[in-house]
């Protein structure tokens, strides 16, 4: 007796359904982790950009103490035209919505919390 073997020409519907189910499970696991990583990277980038702007603002105010008076603000464009920030740095700071005020930039700890001037002076003594 001869058995009739036919060649398979593709996948069955059940095999395709199982593969799609496994892929969808993997996507459901990976996407939330990617968004968390992206948010963390954006936060780190903003902190780094803020540190750059703060240090350049401090340098500018050390060199130009007349601009350290209340009511005389220092803008990102003023830091750029004075040569303290590059065009690229100003674009990134503007995109991150980093604002600066007209006083000395606050000193920030590694976790991003500002240090009060009184705390800073007492710790140096």
Protein backbone atom coordinates (compact mmCIF):
# COMPACT_ATOMS: atom_id res chain seq x y z
CA UNK A 1 0.00 0.00 0.00
CA UNK A 2 1.31 3.32 -1.05
CA UNK A 3 0.87 6.41 1.16
CA UNK A 4 0.14 9.64 -0.57
CA UNK A 5 2.44 12.34 0.87
CA UNK A 6 1.78 15.79 -0.34
CA UNK A 7 4.27 18.58 -0.03
CA UNK A 8 3.38 21.34 2.38
CA UNK A 9 3.29 24.72 0.73
CA UNK A 10 3.30 27.16 3.66
CA UNK A 11 2.13 27.48 7.21
CA UNK A 12 -1.22 26.53 8.63
CA UNK A 13 -3.55 29.10 10.11
CA UNK A 14 -2.86 27.89 13.66
CA UNK A 15 0.90 28.22 13.20
CA UNK A 16 0.54 31.76 11.89
CA UNK A 17 -1.78 32.70 14.75
CA UNK A 18 0.67 31.40 17.35
CA UNK A 19 3.57 33.32 15.79
CA UNK A 20 1.54 36.55 15.72
CA UNK A 21 0.50 36.02 19.33
CA UNK A 22 4.12 35.55 20.46
CA UNK A 23 5.25 38.64 18.55
CA UNK A 24 2.46 40.74 20.04
CA UNK A 25 3.41 39.59 23.56
CA UNK A 26 7.02 40.59 22.98
CA UNK A 27 5.95 44.00 21.69
CA UNK A 28 3.73 44.54 24.73
CA UNK A 29 6.69 43.80 27.00
CA UNK A 30 9.30 45.86 25.14
CA UNK A 31 7.43 49.11 24.31
CA UNK A 32 6.77 50.29 27.90
CA UNK A 33 10.43 49.68 28.79
CA UNK A 34 11.56 51.69 25.78
CA UNK A 35 9.37 54.66 26.71
CA UNK A 36 10.71 54.63 30.29
CA UNK A 37 14.26 54.57 28.96
CA UNK A 38 13.52 57.44 26.61
CA UNK A 39 12.01 59.51 29.44
CA UNK A 40 15.06 58.84 31.61
CA UNK A 41 17.41 59.81 28.78
CA UNK A 42 15.49 63.05 28.19
CA UNK A 43 15.65 63.90 31.90
CA UNK A 44 19.41 63.27 31.99
CA UNK A 45 19.89 65.40 28.88
CA UNK A 46 17.87 68.26 30.36
CA UNK A 47 19.87 68.13 33.61
CA UNK A 48 23.12 68.19 31.64
CA UNK A 49 21.95 71.12 29.54
CA UNK A 50 20.81 72.98 32.67
CA UNK A 51 24.25 72.46 34.23
CA UNK A 52 25.95 73.87 31.13
CA UNK A 53 23.68 76.92 31.04
CA UNK A 54 24.10 77.48 34.79
CA UNK A 55 27.89 77.34 34.63
CA UNK A 56 28.00 79.68 31.63
CA UNK A 57 25.56 82.06 33.31
CA UNK A 58 27.75 82.11 36.42
CA UNK A 59 30.82 82.84 34.27
CA UNK A 60 28.97 85.63 32.46
CA UNK A 61 27.79 87.22 35.71
CA UNK A 62 31.32 86.99 37.15
CA UNK A 63 32.66 88.82 34.10
CA UNK A 64 29.74 91.31 33.91
CA UNK A 65 28.62 92.08 37.49
CA UNK A 66 26.54 95.04 36.29
CA UNK A 67 24.00 92.56 34.85
CA UNK A 68 23.52 90.92 38.25
CA UNK A 69 21.10 93.63 39.41
CA UNK A 70 17.39 92.94 39.87
CA UNK A 71 15.40 93.76 36.77
CA UNK A 72 18.31 93.29 34.37
CA UNK A 73 17.83 89.85 32.93
CA UNK A 74 20.36 87.78 31.06
CA UNK A 75 18.90 85.84 28.16
CA UNK A 76 20.19 82.85 26.25
CA UNK A 77 20.74 85.09 23.23
CA UNK A 78 22.87 87.47 25.33
CA UNK A 79 25.00 84.51 26.47
CA UNK A 80 25.29 83.44 22.84
CA UNK A 81 26.30 86.85 21.48
CA UNK A 82 28.85 87.22 24.28
CA UNK A 83 30.41 83.89 23.30
CA UNK A 84 29.45 81.91 26.40
CA UNK A 85 27.08 79.52 24.57
CA UNK A 86 27.26 78.16 21.03
CA UNK A 87 24.37 78.24 18.56
CA UNK A 88 23.84 74.51 19.10
CA UNK A 89 23.72 74.92 22.88
CA UNK A 90 21.17 77.73 22.62
CA UNK A 91 18.97 75.64 20.32
CA UNK A 92 19.11 72.68 22.69
CA UNK A 93 18.43 74.85 25.75
CA UNK A 94 15.48 76.47 23.99
CA UNK A 95 14.13 73.08 22.95
CA UNK A 96 14.43 71.86 26.55
CA UNK A 97 12.70 75.07 27.72
CA UNK A 98 15.50 75.96 30.10
CA UNK A 99 14.87 79.38 31.60
CA UNK A 100 17.41 81.53 33.33
CA UNK A 101 16.82 84.40 35.70
CA UNK A 102 18.75 87.57 36.40
CA UNK A 103 20.50 86.31 39.52
CA UNK A 104 23.27 83.81 40.06
CA UNK A 105 22.23 80.35 38.97
CA UNK A 106 21.56 78.08 41.96
CA UNK A 107 24.04 75.40 42.85
CA UNK A 108 22.44 72.01 42.29
CA UNK A 109 23.25 68.67 43.90
CA UNK A 110 23.73 65.48 41.88
CA UNK A 111 20.07 64.55 42.33
CA UNK A 112 18.96 67.95 40.98
CA UNK A 113 17.90 69.59 44.25
CA UNK A 114 19.00 73.23 44.66
CA UNK A 115 21.23 74.10 47.57
CA UNK A 116 20.30 77.23 49.54
CA UNK A 117 23.02 79.87 49.76
CA UNK A 118 22.84 79.71 53.59
CA UNK A 119 23.35 75.92 53.48
CA UNK A 120 26.23 76.34 51.05
CA UNK A 121 27.97 78.98 53.21
CA UNK A 122 27.58 76.96 56.41
CA UNK A 123 28.96 73.80 54.77
CA UNK A 124 32.08 75.66 53.57
CA UNK A 125 32.97 76.89 57.09
